[in-house]
Amino acid sequence: KVMRIADQALYAAKRRGRNRVVRADVLADSI
């Protein structure tokens, strides 16, 4: 589950322009 949420955050970083960090909250499944 932690890996899945981190992977979702990674794709969000890609969508937002790359070369950045996006943080996710595992408990809320929010990015």
ModelCIF file with pLDDT and N, C-alpha, C, O atoms, coordinates in Angstrom:
data_MODEL
#
_entry.id   MODEL 
#
_entity.id                         1 
_entity.type                       polymer 
_entity.pdbx_number_of_molecules   1 
#
_entity_poly.entity_id                      1 
_entity_poly.type                           'polypeptide(L)' 
_entity_poly.nstd_linkage                   no 
_entity_poly.nstd_monomer                   no 
_entity_poly.pdbx_seq_one_letter_code       KVMRIADQALYAAKRRGRNRVVRADVLADSI 
_entity_poly.pdbx_seq_one_letter_code_can   KVMRIADQALYAAKRRGRNRVVRADVLADSI 
_entity_poly.pdbx_strand_id                 A 
#
loop_
_entity_poly_seq.entity_id 
_entity_poly_seq.num 
_entity_poly_seq.mon_id 
_entity_poly_seq.hetero 
1 1  LYS n 
1 2  VAL n 
1 3  MET n 
1 4  ARG n 
1 5  ILE n 
1 6  ALA n 
1 7  ASP n 
1 8  GLN n 
1 9  ALA n 
1 10 LEU n 
1 11 TYR n 
1 12 ALA n 
1 13 ALA n 
1 14 LYS n 
1 15 ARG n 
1 16 ARG n 
1 17 GLY n 
1 18 ARG n 
1 19 ASN n 
1 20 ARG n 
1 21 VAL n 
1 22 VAL n 
1 23 ARG n 
1 24 ALA n 
1 25 ASP n 
1 26 VAL n 
1 27 LEU n 
1 28 ALA n 
1 29 ASP n 
1 30 SER n 
1 31 ILE n 
#
_struct_asym.id          A 
_struct_asym.entity_id   1 
#
loop_
_ma_qa_metric.id 
_ma_qa_metric.mode 
_ma_qa_metric.name 
_ma_qa_metric.software_group_id 
_ma_qa_metric.type 
1 global pLDDT . pLDDT 
2 local  pLDDT . pLDDT 
#
_ma_qa_metric_global.metric_id      1 
_ma_qa_metric_global.metric_value   85.94 
_ma_qa_metric_global.model_id       1 
_ma_qa_metric_global.ordinal_id     1 
#
loop_
_ma_qa_metric_local.label_asym_id 
_ma_qa_metric_local.label_comp_id 
_ma_qa_metric_local.label_seq_id 
_ma_qa_metric_local.metric_id 
_ma_qa_metric_local.metric_value 
_ma_qa_metric_local.model_id 
_ma_qa_metric_local.ordinal_id 
A LYS 1  2 92.00 1 1  
A VAL 2  2 93.00 1 2  
A MET 3  2 94.00 1 3  
A ARG 4  2 94.00 1 4  
A ILE 5  2 95.00 1 5  
A ALA 6  2 96.00 1 6  
A ASP 7  2 95.00 1 7  
A GLN 8  2 95.00 1 8  
A ALA 9  2 96.00 1 9  
A LEU 10 2 97.00 1 10 
A TYR 11 2 95.00 1 11 
A ALA 12 2 95.00 1 12 
A ALA 13 2 96.00 1 13 
A LYS 14 2 96.00 1 14 
A ARG 15 2 95.00 1 15 
A ARG 16 2 95.00 1 16 
A GLY 17 2 96.00 1 17 
A ARG 18 2 97.00 1 18 
A ASN 19 2 97.00 1 19 
A ARG 20 2 97.00 1 20 
A VAL 21 2 97.00 1 21 
A VAL 22 2 97.00 1 22 
A ARG 23 2 94.00 1 23 
A ALA 24 2 90.00 1 24 
A ASP 25 2 69.00 1 25 
A VAL 26 2 58.00 1 26 
A LEU 27 2 48.00 1 27 
A ALA 28 2 46.00 1 28 
A ASP 29 2 49.00 1 29 
A SER 30 2 51.00 1 30 
A ILE 31 2 59.00 1 31 
#
loop_
_atom_site.group_PDB 
_atom_site.id 
_atom_site.type_symbol 
_atom_site.label_atom_id 
_atom_site.label_alt_id 
_atom_site.label_comp_id 
_atom_site.label_asym_id 
_atom_site.label_entity_id 
_atom_site.label_seq_id 
_atom_site.pdbx_PDB_ins_code 
_atom_site.Cartn_x 
_atom_site.Cartn_y 
_atom_site.Cartn_z 
_atom_site.occupancy 
_atom_site.B_iso_or_equiv 
_atom_site.pdbx_formal_charge 
_atom_site.auth_seq_id 
_atom_site.auth_comp_id 
_atom_site.auth_asym_id 
_atom_site.auth_atom_id 
_atom_site.pdbx_PDB_model_num 
ATOM 1   N N  . LYS A 1 1  ? 0.829  -1.207 0.000   1.00 92.00 ? 1  LYS A N  1 
ATOM 2   C CA . LYS A 1 1  ? 0.000  0.000  0.000   1.00 92.00 ? 1  LYS A CA 1 
ATOM 3   C C  . LYS A 1 1  ? 0.866  1.259  0.000   1.00 92.00 ? 1  LYS A C  1 
ATOM 4   O O  . LYS A 1 1  ? 0.588  2.206  -0.737  1.00 92.00 ? 1  LYS A O  1 
ATOM 5   N N  . VAL A 1 2  ? 1.914  1.270  0.827   1.00 93.00 ? 2  VAL A N  1 
ATOM 6   C CA . VAL A 1 2  ? 2.801  2.428  0.871   1.00 93.00 ? 2  VAL A CA 1 
ATOM 7   C C  . VAL A 1 2  ? 3.457  2.647  -0.491  1.00 93.00 ? 2  VAL A C  1 
ATOM 8   O O  . VAL A 1 2  ? 3.562  3.780  -0.962  1.00 93.00 ? 2  VAL A O  1 
ATOM 9   N N  . MET A 1 3  ? 3.899  1.553  -1.123  1.00 94.00 ? 3  MET A N  1 
ATOM 10  C CA . MET A 1 3  ? 4.523  1.641  -2.440  1.00 94.00 ? 3  MET A CA 1 
ATOM 11  C C  . MET A 1 3  ? 3.534  2.168  -3.480  1.00 94.00 ? 3  MET A C  1 
ATOM 12  O O  . MET A 1 3  ? 3.892  2.978  -4.335  1.00 94.00 ? 3  MET A O  1 
ATOM 13  N N  . ARG A 1 4  ? 2.301  1.704  -3.397  1.00 94.00 ? 4  ARG A N  1 
ATOM 14  C CA . ARG A 1 4  ? 1.283  2.138  -4.360  1.00 94.00 ? 4  ARG A CA 1 
ATOM 15  C C  . ARG A 1 4  ? 1.021  3.639  -4.245  1.00 94.00 ? 4  ARG A C  1 
ATOM 16  O O  . ARG A 1 4  ? 0.929  4.335  -5.256  1.00 94.00 ? 4  ARG A O  1 
ATOM 17  N N  . ILE A 1 5  ? 0.902  4.132  -3.019  1.00 95.00 ? 5  ILE A N  1 
ATOM 18  C CA . ILE A 1 5  ? 0.638  5.553  -2.819  1.00 95.00 ? 5  ILE A CA 1 
ATOM 19  C C  . ILE A 1 5  ? 1.839  6.396  -3.247  1.00 95.00 ? 5  ILE A C  1 
ATOM 20  O O  . ILE A 1 5  ? 1.675  7.461  -3.843  1.00 95.00 ? 5  ILE A O  1 
ATOM 21  N N  . ALA A 1 6  ? 3.048  5.916  -2.942  1.00 96.00 ? 6  ALA A N  1 
ATOM 22  C CA . ALA A 1 6  ? 4.252  6.627  -3.374  1.00 96.00 ? 6  ALA A CA 1 
ATOM 23  C C  . ALA A 1 6  ? 4.328  6.681  -4.895  1.00 96.00 ? 6  ALA A C  1 
ATOM 24  O O  . ALA A 1 6  ? 4.754  7.684  -5.467  1.00 96.00 ? 6  ALA A O  1 
ATOM 25  N N  . ASP A 1 7  ? 3.914  5.600  -5.543  1.00 95.00 ? 7  ASP A N  1 
ATOM 26  C CA . ASP A 1 7  ? 3.919  5.552  -7.005  1.00 95.00 ? 7  ASP A CA 1 
ATOM 27  C C  . ASP A 1 7  ? 2.898  6.539  -7.586  1.00 95.00 ? 7  ASP A C  1 
ATOM 28  O O  . ASP A 1 7  ? 3.163  7.180  -8.603  1.00 95.00 ? 7  ASP A O  1 
ATOM 29  N N  . GLN A 1 8  ? 1.745  6.658  -6.946  1.00 95.00 ? 8  GLN A N  1 
ATOM 30  C CA . GLN A 1 8  ? 0.759  7.637  -7.382  1.00 95.00 ? 8  GLN A CA 1 
ATOM 31  C C  . GLN A 1 8  ? 1.304  9.057  -7.254  1.00 95.00 ? 8  GLN A C  1 
ATOM 32  O O  . GLN A 1 8  ? 1.089  9.898  -8.127  1.00 95.00 ? 8  GLN A O  1 
ATOM 33  N N  . ALA A 1 9  ? 2.012  9.310  -6.156  1.00 96.00 ? 9  ALA A N  1 
ATOM 34  C CA . ALA A 1 9  ? 2.624  10.624 -5.958  1.00 96.00 ? 9  ALA A CA 1 
ATOM 35  C C  . ALA A 1 9  ? 3.689  10.892 -7.025  1.00 96.00 ? 9  ALA A C  1 
ATOM 36  O O  . ALA A 1 9  ? 3.836  12.021 -7.493  1.00 96.00 ? 9  ALA A O  1 
ATOM 37  N N  . LEU A 1 10 ? 4.427  9.846  -7.404  1.00 97.00 ? 10 LEU A N  1 
ATOM 38  C CA . LEU A 1 10 ? 5.426  9.993  -8.454  1.00 97.00 ? 10 LEU A CA 1 
ATOM 39  C C  . LEU A 1 10 ? 4.771  10.409 -9.777  1.00 97.00 ? 10 LEU A C  1 
ATOM 40  O O  . LEU A 1 10 ? 5.253  11.317 -10.454 1.00 97.00 ? 10 LEU A O  1 
ATOM 41  N N  . TYR A 1 11 ? 3.684  9.749  -10.137 1.00 95.00 ? 11 TYR A N  1 
ATOM 42  C CA . TYR A 1 11 ? 2.997  10.110 -11.380 1.00 95.00 ? 11 TYR A CA 1 
ATOM 43  C C  . TYR A 1 11 ? 2.437  11.527 -11.311 1.00 95.00 ? 11 TYR A C  1 
ATOM 44  O O  . TYR A 1 11 ? 2.385  12.227 -12.322 1.00 95.00 ? 11 TYR A O  1 
ATOM 45  N N  . ALA A 1 12 ? 2.020  11.950 -10.117 1.00 95.00 ? 12 ALA A N  1 
ATOM 46  C CA . ALA A 1 12 ? 1.562  13.328 -9.945  1.00 95.00 ? 12 ALA A CA 1 
ATOM 47  C C  . ALA A 1 12 ? 2.714  14.310 -10.189 1.00 95.00 ? 12 ALA A C  1 
ATOM 48  O O  . ALA A 1 12 ? 2.519  15.368 -10.787 1.00 95.00 ? 12 ALA A O  1 
ATOM 49  N N  . ALA A 1 13 ? 3.907  13.951 -9.722  1.00 96.00 ? 13 ALA A N  1 
ATOM 50  C CA . ALA A 1 13 ? 5.085  14.796 -9.951  1.00 96.00 ? 13 ALA A CA 1 
ATOM 51  C C  . ALA A 1 13 ? 5.384  14.906 -11.447 1.00 96.00 ? 13 ALA A C  1 
ATOM 52  O O  . ALA A 1 13 ? 5.758  15.970 -11.939 1.00 96.00 ? 13 ALA A O  1 
ATOM 53  N N  . LYS A 1 14 ? 5.216  13.801 -12.154 1.00 96.00 ? 14 LYS A N  1 
ATOM 54  C CA . LYS A 1 14 ? 5.428  13.816 -13.606 1.00 96.00 ? 14 LYS A CA 1 
ATOM 55  C C  . LYS A 1 14 ? 4.414  14.740 -14.283 1.00 96.00 ? 14 LYS A C  1 
ATOM 56  O O  . LYS A 1 14 ? 4.771  15.537 -15.151 1.00 96.00 ? 14 LYS A O  1 
ATOM 57  N N  . ARG A 1 15 ? 3.154  14.626 -13.881 1.00 95.00 ? 15 ARG A N  1 
ATOM 58  C CA . ARG A 1 15 ? 2.101  15.440 -14.494 1.00 95.00 ? 15 ARG A CA 1 
ATOM 59  C C  . ARG A 1 15 ? 2.293  16.928 -14.214 1.00 95.00 ? 15 ARG A C  1 
ATOM 60  O O  . ARG A 1 15 ? 1.901  17.776 -15.016 1.00 95.00 ? 15 ARG A O  1 
ATOM 61  N N  . ARG A 1 16 ? 2.896  17.233 -13.076 1.00 95.00 ? 16 ARG A N  1 
ATOM 62  C CA . ARG A 1 16 ? 3.052  18.634 -12.678 1.00 95.00 ? 16 ARG A CA 1 
ATOM 63  C C  . ARG A 1 16 ? 4.322  19.275 -13.237 1.00 95.00 ? 16 ARG A C  1 
ATOM 64  O O  . ARG A 1 16 ? 4.671  20.395 -12.865 1.00 95.00 ? 16 ARG A O  1 
ATOM 65  N N  . GLY A 1 17 ? 5.006  18.567 -14.126 1.00 96.00 ? 17 GLY A N  1 
ATOM 66  C CA . GLY A 1 17 ? 6.144  19.179 -14.806 1.00 96.00 ? 17 GLY A CA 1 
ATOM 67  C C  . GLY A 1 17 ? 7.486  18.513 -14.601 1.00 96.00 ? 17 GLY A C  1 
ATOM 68  O O  . GLY A 1 17 ? 8.480  18.967 -15.167 1.00 96.00 ? 17 GLY A O  1 
ATOM 69  N N  . ARG A 1 18 ? 7.553  17.443 -13.807 1.00 97.00 ? 18 ARG A N  1 
ATOM 70  C CA . ARG A 1 18 ? 8.789  16.690 -13.561 1.00 97.00 ? 18 ARG A CA 1 
ATOM 71  C C  . ARG A 1 18 ? 9.783  17.500 -12.711 1.00 97.00 ? 18 ARG A C  1 
ATOM 72  O O  . ARG A 1 18 ? 9.555  18.670 -12.401 1.00 97.00 ? 18 ARG A O  1 
ATOM 73  N N  . ASN A 1 19 ? 10.876 16.850 -12.351 1.00 97.00 ? 19 ASN A N  1 
ATOM 74  C CA . ASN A 1 19 ? 11.944 17.474 -11.563 1.00 97.00 ? 19 ASN A CA 1 
ATOM 75  C C  . ASN A 1 19 ? 11.368 18.115 -10.296 1.00 97.00 ? 19 ASN A C  1 
ATOM 76  O O  . ASN A 1 19 ? 11.662 19.268 -9.983  1.00 97.00 ? 19 ASN A O  1 
ATOM 77  N N  . ARG A 1 20 ? 10.550 17.353 -9.579  1.00 97.00 ? 20 ARG A N  1 
ATOM 78  C CA . ARG A 1 20 ? 9.939  17.864 -8.353  1.00 97.00 ? 20 ARG A CA 1 
ATOM 79  C C  . ARG A 1 20 ? 9.576  16.713 -7.423  1.00 97.00 ? 20 ARG A C  1 
ATOM 80  O O  . ARG A 1 20 ? 9.583  15.547 -7.817  1.00 97.00 ? 20 ARG A O  1 
ATOM 81  N N  . VAL A 1 21 ? 9.258  17.068 -6.181  1.00 97.00 ? 21 VAL A N  1 
ATOM 82  C CA . VAL A 1 21 ? 8.839  16.105 -5.171  1.00 97.00 ? 21 VAL A CA 1 
ATOM 83  C C  . VAL A 1 21 ? 7.361  16.317 -4.872  1.00 97.00 ? 21 VAL A C  1 
ATOM 84  O O  . VAL A 1 21 ? 6.925  17.445 -4.643  1.00 97.00 ? 21 VAL A O  1 
ATOM 85  N N  . VAL A 1 22 ? 6.595  15.234 -4.876  1.00 97.00 ? 22 VAL A N  1 
ATOM 86  C CA . VAL A 1 22 ? 5.191  15.290 -4.470  1.00 97.00 ? 22 VAL A CA 1 
ATOM 87  C C  . VAL A 1 22 ? 4.991  14.321 -3.321  1.00 97.00 ? 22 VAL A C  1 
ATOM 88  O O  . VAL A 1 22 ? 5.424  13.170 -3.380  1.00 97.00 ? 22 VAL A O  1 
ATOM 89  N N  . ARG A 1 23 ? 4.337  14.794 -2.282  1.00 94.00 ? 23 ARG A N  1 
ATOM 90  C CA . ARG A 1 23 ? 4.151  14.011 -1.057  1.00 94.00 ? 23 ARG A CA 1 
ATOM 91  C C  . ARG A 1 23 ? 2.711  13.493 -0.984  1.00 94.00 ? 23 ARG A C  1 
ATOM 92  O O  . ARG A 1 23 ? 1.764  14.191 -1.345  1.00 94.00 ? 23 ARG A O  1 
ATOM 93  N N  . ALA A 1 24 ? 2.573  12.258 -0.511  1.00 90.00 ? 24 ALA A N  1 
ATOM 94  C CA . ALA A 1 24 ? 1.248  11.664 -0.343  1.00 90.00 ? 24 ALA A CA 1 
ATOM 95  C C  . ALA A 1 24 ? 1.040  11.244 1.099   1.00 90.00 ? 24 ALA A C  1 
ATOM 96  O O  . ALA A 1 24 ? 1.994  10.948 1.818   1.00 90.00 ? 24 ALA A O  1 
ATOM 97  N N  . ASP A 1 25 ? -0.211 11.221 1.509   1.00 69.00 ? 25 ASP A N  1 
ATOM 98  C CA . ASP A 1 25 ? -0.593 10.772 2.843   1.00 69.00 ? 25 ASP A CA 1 
ATOM 99  C C  . ASP A 1 25 ? -1.219 9.385  2.709   1.00 69.00 ? 25 ASP A C  1 
ATOM 100 O O  . ASP A 1 25 ? -2.307 9.257  2.147   1.00 69.00 ? 25 ASP A O  1 
ATOM 101 N N  . VAL A 1 26 ? -0.560 8.359  3.207   1.00 58.00 ? 26 VAL A N  1 
ATOM 102 C CA . VAL A 1 26 ? -1.041 6.992  3.053   1.00 58.00 ? 26 VAL A CA 1 
ATOM 103 C C  . VAL A 1 26 ? -2.393 6.787  3.726   1.00 58.00 ? 26 VAL A C  1 
ATOM 104 O O  . VAL A 1 26 ? -3.271 6.122  3.178   1.00 58.00 ? 26 VAL A O  1 
ATOM 105 N N  . LEU A 1 27 ? -2.557 7.355  4.904   1.00 48.00 ? 27 LEU A N  1 
ATOM 106 C CA . LEU A 1 27 ? -3.796 7.126  5.649   1.00 48.00 ? 27 LEU A CA 1 
ATOM 107 C C  . LEU A 1 27 ? -5.007 7.681  4.923   1.00 48.00 ? 27 LEU A C  1 
ATOM 108 O O  . LEU A 1 27 ? -6.073 7.067  4.928   1.00 48.00 ? 27 LEU A O  1 
ATOM 109 N N  . ALA A 1 28 ? -4.848 8.840  4.299   1.00 46.00 ? 28 ALA A N  1 
ATOM 110 C CA . ALA A 1 28 ? -5.970 9.457  3.613   1.00 46.00 ? 28 ALA A CA 1 
ATOM 111 C C  . ALA A 1 28 ? -5.971 9.167  2.115   1.00 46.00 ? 28 ALA A C  1 
ATOM 112 O O  . ALA A 1 28 ? -6.905 9.532  1.402   1.00 46.00 ? 28 ALA A O  1 
ATOM 113 N N  . ASP A 1 29 ? -4.901 8.498  1.643   1.00 49.00 ? 29 ASP A N  1 
ATOM 114 C CA . ASP A 1 29 ? -4.731 8.262  0.208   1.00 49.00 ? 29 ASP A CA 1 
ATOM 115 C C  . ASP A 1 29 ? -4.834 9.564  -0.591  1.00 49.00 ? 29 ASP A C  1 
ATOM 116 O O  . ASP A 1 29 ? -5.335 9.567  -1.715  1.00 49.00 ? 29 ASP A O  1 
ATOM 117 N N  . SER A 1 30 ? -4.364 10.654 -0.015  1.00 51.00 ? 30 SER A N  1 
ATOM 118 C CA . SER A 1 30 ? -4.420 11.924 -0.714  1.00 51.00 ? 30 SER A CA 1 
ATOM 119 C C  . SER A 1 30 ? -3.030 12.362 -1.084  1.00 51.00 ? 30 SER A C  1 
ATOM 120 O O  . SER A 1 30 ? -2.050 11.970 -0.450  1.00 51.00 ? 30 SER A O  1 
ATOM 121 N N  . ILE A 1 31 ? -2.947 13.183 -2.123  1.00 59.00 ? 31 ILE A N  1 
ATOM 122 C CA . ILE A 1 31 ? -1.653 13.630 -2.631  1.00 59.00 ? 31 ILE A CA 1 
ATOM 123 C C  . ILE A 1 31 ? -1.588 15.144 -2.500  1.00 59.00 ? 31 ILE A C  1 
ATOM 124 O O  . ILE A 1 31 ? -0.583 15.753 -2.867  1.00 59.00 ? 31 ILE A O  1 
#
